[in-house]
Amino acid sequence: MKRLKIGTPWNALLCLLLVPAAWGQQPTAKAPPLACAEASAMTPAHLYGTWTLTLWRPEGSESAPLSTGTLRFERHPDYPGSVRGHLQRTAAGGSVPALVSGDVIDGEFNLDESADGIAIDAVWAGVPQDCGQTLRGTRRPAERPGQALEPLQFLLRKSPGWH
């Protein structure tokens, strides 16, 4: 096999063949960001991560919350189409931890809350908004004999970044 010498006509031809044909063209612009999915396309995987929580009375306002906290969702180990998580929120007298599990089906978010992991203390129902970055709805306490607890409005905001 013969080696080509630098400066030969063959090298010039080779350089022309290797140079892109798009000389003089402007670089292509970045692709536009993907449009946000419909709420009905939201899956449990969209819930994974940390969310900030705001709870307020129906006659109140989210700017004057009754309780705040965080909620961390992960894949449910027993039910692949669901999520499991840990809730930590403020309450009169301190912090209240709870376990949660639920799902998002056809654009509706549903969640069960339990302080002991056995009995359901509250159920949550809401809808995704802002391209799935917020969830808004109602948290209803479980009915207990002799107790009349009021439902609360909730707002969950997904914390930015990878969790």
C-alpha atoms as a PDB file:
ATOM      1  CA  MET A   1       0.000   0.000   0.000  1.00  0.00           C
ATOM      2  CA  LYS A   2       1.397   3.383  -1.015  1.00  0.00           C
ATOM      3  CA  ARG A   3       1.284   6.270   1.408  1.00  0.00           C
ATOM      4  CA  LEU A   4       0.093   9.620   0.142  1.00  0.00           C
ATOM      5  CA  LYS A   5       2.476  12.475   0.655  1.00  0.00           C
ATOM      6  CA  ILE A   6       1.335  15.718   2.207  1.00  0.00           C
ATOM      7  CA  GLY A   7       0.690  18.276  -0.459  1.00  0.00           C
ATOM      8  CA  THR A   8      -0.187  15.836  -3.241  1.00  0.00           C
ATOM      9  CA  PRO A   9      -3.319  16.369  -5.346  1.00  0.00           C
ATOM     10  CA  TRP A  10      -4.781  13.239  -3.729  1.00  0.00           C
ATOM     11  CA  ASN A  11      -4.669  14.885  -0.292  1.00  0.00           C
ATOM     12  CA  ALA A  12      -6.439  17.925  -1.616  1.00  0.00           C
ATOM     13  CA  LEU A  13      -9.166  15.724  -3.084  1.00  0.00           C
ATOM     14  CA  LEU A  14      -9.442  13.770   0.150  1.00  0.00           C
ATOM     15  CA  CYS A  15      -9.856  17.004   2.149  1.00  0.00           C
ATOM     16  CA  LEU A  16     -12.638  18.140  -0.152  1.00  0.00           C
ATOM     17  CA  LEU A  17     -14.443  14.846   0.332  1.00  0.00           C
ATOM     18  CA  LEU A  18     -14.180  15.022   4.110  1.00  0.00           C
ATOM     19  CA  VAL A  19     -15.310  18.641   4.448  1.00  0.00           C
ATOM     20  CA  PRO A  20     -19.052  18.845   5.084  1.00  0.00           C
ATOM     21  CA  ALA A  21     -21.166  19.915   2.148  1.00  0.00           C
ATOM     22  CA  ALA A  22     -22.922  22.425   4.374  1.00  0.00           C
ATOM     23  CA  TRP A  23     -20.235  25.108   4.099  1.00  0.00           C
ATOM     24  CA  GLY A  24     -21.746  28.533   4.521  1.00  0.00           C
ATOM     25  CA  GLN A  25     -24.931  27.270   6.138  1.00  0.00           C
ATOM     26  CA  GLN A  26     -25.988  28.578   9.491  1.00  0.00           C
ATOM     27  CA  PRO A  27     -25.894  26.094  12.378  1.00  0.00           C
ATOM     28  CA  THR A  28     -29.272  24.595  13.072  1.00  0.00           C
ATOM     29  CA  ALA A  29     -31.220  26.093  15.947  1.00  0.00           C
ATOM     30  CA  LYS A  30     -31.905  24.050  19.060  1.00  0.00           C
ATOM     31  CA  ALA A  31     -35.074  22.032  18.958  1.00  0.00           C
ATOM     32  CA  PRO A  32     -37.940  23.695  20.785  1.00  0.00           C
ATOM     33  CA  PRO A  33     -38.727  22.261  24.213  1.00  0.00           C
ATOM     34  CA  LEU A  34     -41.168  19.406  24.257  1.00  0.00           C
ATOM     35  CA  ALA A  35     -44.756  20.411  24.799  1.00  0.00           C
ATOM     36  CA  CYS A  36     -46.121  19.403  28.165  1.00  0.00           C
ATOM     37  CA  ALA A  37     -48.147  16.247  28.246  1.00  0.00           C
ATOM     38  CA  GLU A  38     -51.859  16.187  28.860  1.00  0.00           C
ATOM     39  CA  ALA A  39     -52.868  15.442  32.437  1.00  0.00           C
ATOM     40  CA  SER A  40     -54.413  12.183  31.221  1.00  0.00           C
ATOM     41  CA  ALA A  41     -50.951  11.048  30.036  1.00  0.00           C
ATOM     42  CA  MET A  42     -49.398  11.463  33.488  1.00  0.00           C
ATOM     43  CA  THR A  43     -48.043   8.219  34.960  1.00  0.00           C
ATOM     44  CA  PRO A  44     -46.907   7.273  38.470  1.00  0.00           C
ATOM     45  CA  ALA A  45     -43.292   7.821  37.361  1.00  0.00           C
ATOM     46  CA  HIS A  46     -44.119  11.531  36.918  1.00  0.00           C
ATOM     47  CA  LEU A  47     -44.792  11.674  40.662  1.00  0.00           C
ATOM     48  CA  TYR A  48     -41.387  10.339  41.760  1.00  0.00           C
ATOM     49  CA  GLY A  49     -39.371  12.866  43.738  1.00  0.00           C
ATOM     50  CA  THR A  50     -39.910  15.476  46.420  1.00  0.00           C
ATOM     51  CA  TRP A  51     -42.930  17.767  46.573  1.00  0.00           C
ATOM     52  CA  THR A  52     -43.705  20.690  48.879  1.00  0.00           C
ATOM     53  CA  LEU A  53     -47.113  20.617  50.514  1.00  0.00           C
ATOM     54  CA  THR A  54     -49.543  23.356  51.487  1.00  0.00           C
ATOM     55  CA  LEU A  55     -52.850  22.534  53.243  1.00  0.00           C
ATOM     56  CA  TRP A  56     -55.581  25.078  54.007  1.00  0.00           C
ATOM     57  CA  ARG A  57     -59.243  25.178  55.009  1.00  0.00           C
ATOM     58  CA  PRO A  58     -61.790  25.445  52.171  1.00  0.00           C
ATOM     59  CA  GLU A  59     -62.830  28.917  53.319  1.00  0.00           C
ATOM     60  CA  GLY A  60     -59.179  29.931  53.750  1.00  0.00           C
ATOM     61  CA  SER A  61     -56.341  30.590  51.370  1.00  0.00           C
ATOM     62  CA  GLU A  62     -53.186  28.784  50.351  1.00  0.00           C
ATOM     63  CA  SER A  63     -51.275  31.938  51.297  1.00  0.00           C
ATOM     64  CA  ALA A  64     -52.396  31.362  54.919  1.00  0.00           C
ATOM     65  CA  PRO A  65     -51.854  27.594  55.280  1.00  0.00           C
ATOM     66  CA  LEU A  66     -53.062  25.452  58.129  1.00  0.00           C
ATOM     67  CA  SER A  67     -50.148  23.052  57.545  1.00  0.00           C
ATOM     68  CA  THR A  68     -47.067  22.774  55.320  1.00  0.00           C
ATOM     69  CA  GLY A  69     -44.561  20.035  54.677  1.00  0.00           C
ATOM     70  CA  THR A  70     -42.898  17.752  52.195  1.00  0.00           C
ATOM     71  CA  LEU A  71     -43.916  14.582  50.441  1.00  0.00           C
ATOM     72  CA  ARG A  72     -41.460  12.224  48.772  1.00  0.00           C
ATOM     73  CA  PHE A  73     -42.785   9.735  46.215  1.00  0.00           C
ATOM     74  CA  GLU A  74     -41.031   6.638  44.896  1.00  0.00           C
ATOM     75  CA  ARG A  75     -42.057   3.513  43.002  1.00  0.00           C
ATOM     76  CA  HIS A  76     -44.337   1.288  45.045  1.00  0.00           C
ATOM     77  CA  PRO A  77     -42.441  -1.973  45.678  1.00  0.00           C
ATOM     78  CA  ASP A  78     -45.575  -4.150  45.597  1.00  0.00           C
ATOM     79  CA  TYR A  79     -47.669  -2.393  42.928  1.00  0.00           C
ATOM     80  CA  PRO A  80     -45.695  -1.229  39.855  1.00  0.00           C
ATOM     81  CA  GLY A  81     -48.507   1.069  38.662  1.00  0.00           C
ATOM     82  CA  SER A  82     -48.565   2.988  41.951  1.00  0.00           C
ATOM     83  CA  VAL A  83     -46.414   5.175  44.171  1.00  0.00           C
ATOM     84  CA  ARG A  84     -45.456   5.023  47.806  1.00  0.00           C
ATOM     85  CA  GLY A  85     -44.114   7.880  49.829  1.00  0.00           C
ATOM     86  CA  HIS A  86     -43.386   9.602  53.086  1.00  0.00           C
ATOM     87  CA  LEU A  87     -45.218  12.679  54.246  1.00  0.00           C
ATOM     88  CA  GLN A  88     -43.845  15.066  56.867  1.00  0.00           C
ATOM     89  CA  ARG A  89     -46.061  18.037  57.733  1.00  0.00           C
ATOM     90  CA  THR A  90     -46.590  20.583  60.453  1.00  0.00           C
ATOM     91  CA  ALA A  91     -49.497  20.373  62.876  1.00  0.00           C
ATOM     92  CA  ALA A  92     -50.498  21.874  66.178  1.00  0.00           C
ATOM     93  CA  GLY A  93     -47.983  20.552  68.663  1.00  0.00           C
ATOM     94  CA  GLY A  94     -45.272  19.474  66.231  1.00  0.00           C
ATOM     95  CA  SER A  95     -44.512  17.524  63.125  1.00  0.00           C
ATOM     96  CA  VAL A  96     -46.733  14.749  61.760  1.00  0.00           C
ATOM     97  CA  PRO A  97     -45.194  11.890  59.741  1.00  0.00           C
ATOM     98  CA  ALA A  98     -47.312   9.580  57.594  1.00  0.00           C
ATOM     99  CA  LEU A  99     -46.995   6.934  54.927  1.00  0.00           C
ATOM    100  CA  VAL A 100     -48.805   7.462  51.651  1.00  0.00           C
ATOM    101  CA  SER A 101     -49.605   5.355  48.610  1.00  0.00           C
ATOM    102  CA  GLY A 102     -51.608   6.021  45.513  1.00  0.00           C
ATOM    103  CA  ASP A 103     -51.675   6.517  41.801  1.00  0.00           C
ATOM    104  CA  VAL A 104     -52.583   8.777  38.939  1.00  0.00           C
ATOM    105  CA  ILE A 105     -55.111   7.395  36.461  1.00  0.00           C
ATOM    106  CA  ASP A 106     -56.711   9.220  33.535  1.00  0.00           C
ATOM    107  CA  GLY A 107     -55.539  12.592  34.824  1.00  0.00           C
ATOM    108  CA  GLU A 108     -56.755  12.130  38.399  1.00  0.00           C
ATOM    109  CA  PHE A 109     -54.416  11.878  41.380  1.00  0.00           C
ATOM    110  CA  ASN A 110     -55.518   9.659  44.312  1.00  0.00           C
ATOM    111  CA  LEU A 111     -53.643   8.998  47.526  1.00  0.00           C
ATOM    112  CA  ASP A 112     -54.222   7.206  50.837  1.00  0.00           C
ATOM    113  CA  GLU A 113     -52.535   8.560  53.963  1.00  0.00           C
ATOM    114  CA  SER A 114     -51.772   6.436  57.028  1.00  0.00           C
ATOM    115  CA  ALA A 115     -49.971   7.319  60.248  1.00  0.00           C
ATOM    116  CA  ASP A 116     -49.351   3.663  61.145  1.00  0.00           C
ATOM    117  CA  GLY A 117     -49.172   2.066  57.698  1.00  0.00           C
ATOM    118  CA  ILE A 118     -52.352   0.073  58.367  1.00  0.00           C
ATOM    119  CA  ALA A 119     -55.410   2.272  58.956  1.00  0.00           C
ATOM    120  CA  ILE A 120     -56.284   4.986  56.430  1.00  0.00           C
ATOM    121  CA  ASP A 121     -56.342   8.412  58.076  1.00  0.00           C
ATOM    122  CA  ALA A 122     -57.140  10.497  55.001  1.00  0.00           C
ATOM    123  CA  VAL A 123     -57.740  10.235  51.270  1.00  0.00           C
ATOM    124  CA  TRP A 124     -56.489  12.735  48.741  1.00  0.00           C
ATOM    125  CA  ALA A 125     -57.995  13.427  45.307  1.00  0.00           C
ATOM    126  CA  GLY A 126     -56.832  16.029  42.855  1.00  0.00           C
ATOM    127  CA  VAL A 127     -55.655  16.863  39.376  1.00  0.00           C
ATOM    128  CA  PRO A 128     -52.241  17.644  37.904  1.00  0.00           C
ATOM    129  CA  GLN A 129     -51.658  21.177  36.660  1.00  0.00           C
ATOM    130  CA  ASP A 130     -48.761  23.164  35.192  1.00  0.00           C
ATOM    131  CA  CYS A 131     -47.513  20.263  33.057  1.00  0.00           C
ATOM    132  CA  GLY A 132     -47.589  17.948  36.071  1.00  0.00           C
ATOM    133  CA  GLN A 133     -45.465  20.234  38.233  1.00  0.00           C
ATOM    134  CA  THR A 134     -48.318  20.897  40.657  1.00  0.00           C
ATOM    135  CA  LEU A 135     -51.142  18.789  42.030  1.00  0.00           C
ATOM    136  CA  ARG A 136     -54.217  20.482  43.460  1.00  0.00           C
ATOM    137  CA  GLY A 137     -57.227  18.982  45.204  1.00  0.00           C
ATOM    138  CA  THR A 138     -58.908  17.962  48.457  1.00  0.00           C
ATOM    139  CA  ARG A 139     -57.640  15.934  51.422  1.00  0.00           C
ATOM    140  CA  ARG A 140     -60.537  14.300  53.271  1.00  0.00           C
ATOM    141  CA  PRO A 141     -60.035  12.759  56.726  1.00  0.00           C
ATOM    142  CA  ALA A 142     -61.217   9.178  57.061  1.00  0.00           C
ATOM    143  CA  GLU A 143     -64.560   8.879  58.786  1.00  0.00           C
ATOM    144  CA  ARG A 144     -64.251   7.834  62.400  1.00  0.00           C
ATOM    145  CA  PRO A 145     -67.145   7.298  64.807  1.00  0.00           C
ATOM    146  CA  GLY A 146     -67.690  10.432  66.870  1.00  0.00           C
ATOM    147  CA  GLN A 147     -65.314  12.578  64.788  1.00  0.00           C
ATOM    148  CA  ALA A 148     -66.279  15.257  62.319  1.00  0.00           C
ATOM    149  CA  LEU A 149     -63.061  16.480  60.721  1.00  0.00           C
ATOM    150  CA  GLU A 150     -63.196  18.978  57.894  1.00  0.00           C
ATOM    151  CA  PRO A 151     -61.671  18.399  54.480  1.00  0.00           C
ATOM    152  CA  LEU A 152     -58.656  20.513  53.532  1.00  0.00           C
ATOM    153  CA  GLN A 153     -57.523  21.883  50.196  1.00  0.00           C
ATOM    154  CA  PHE A 154     -54.013  20.889  49.140  1.00  0.00           C
ATOM    155  CA  LEU A 155     -51.342  22.047  46.747  1.00  0.00           C
ATOM    156  CA  LEU A 156     -48.304  19.917  45.977  1.00  0.00           C
ATOM    157  CA  ARG A 157     -45.438  21.547  44.063  1.00  0.00           C
ATOM    158  CA  LYS A 158     -42.694  19.395  42.606  1.00  0.00           C
ATOM    159  CA  SER A 159     -39.277  20.430  43.862  1.00  0.00           C
ATOM    160  CA  PRO A 160     -36.824  21.189  41.058  1.00  0.00           C
ATOM    161  CA  GLY A 161     -33.847  18.967  40.332  1.00  0.00           C
ATOM    162  CA  TRP A 162     -33.113  15.277  40.370  1.00  0.00           C
ATOM    163  CA  HIS A 163     -34.145  13.407  43.534  1.00  0.00           C
END
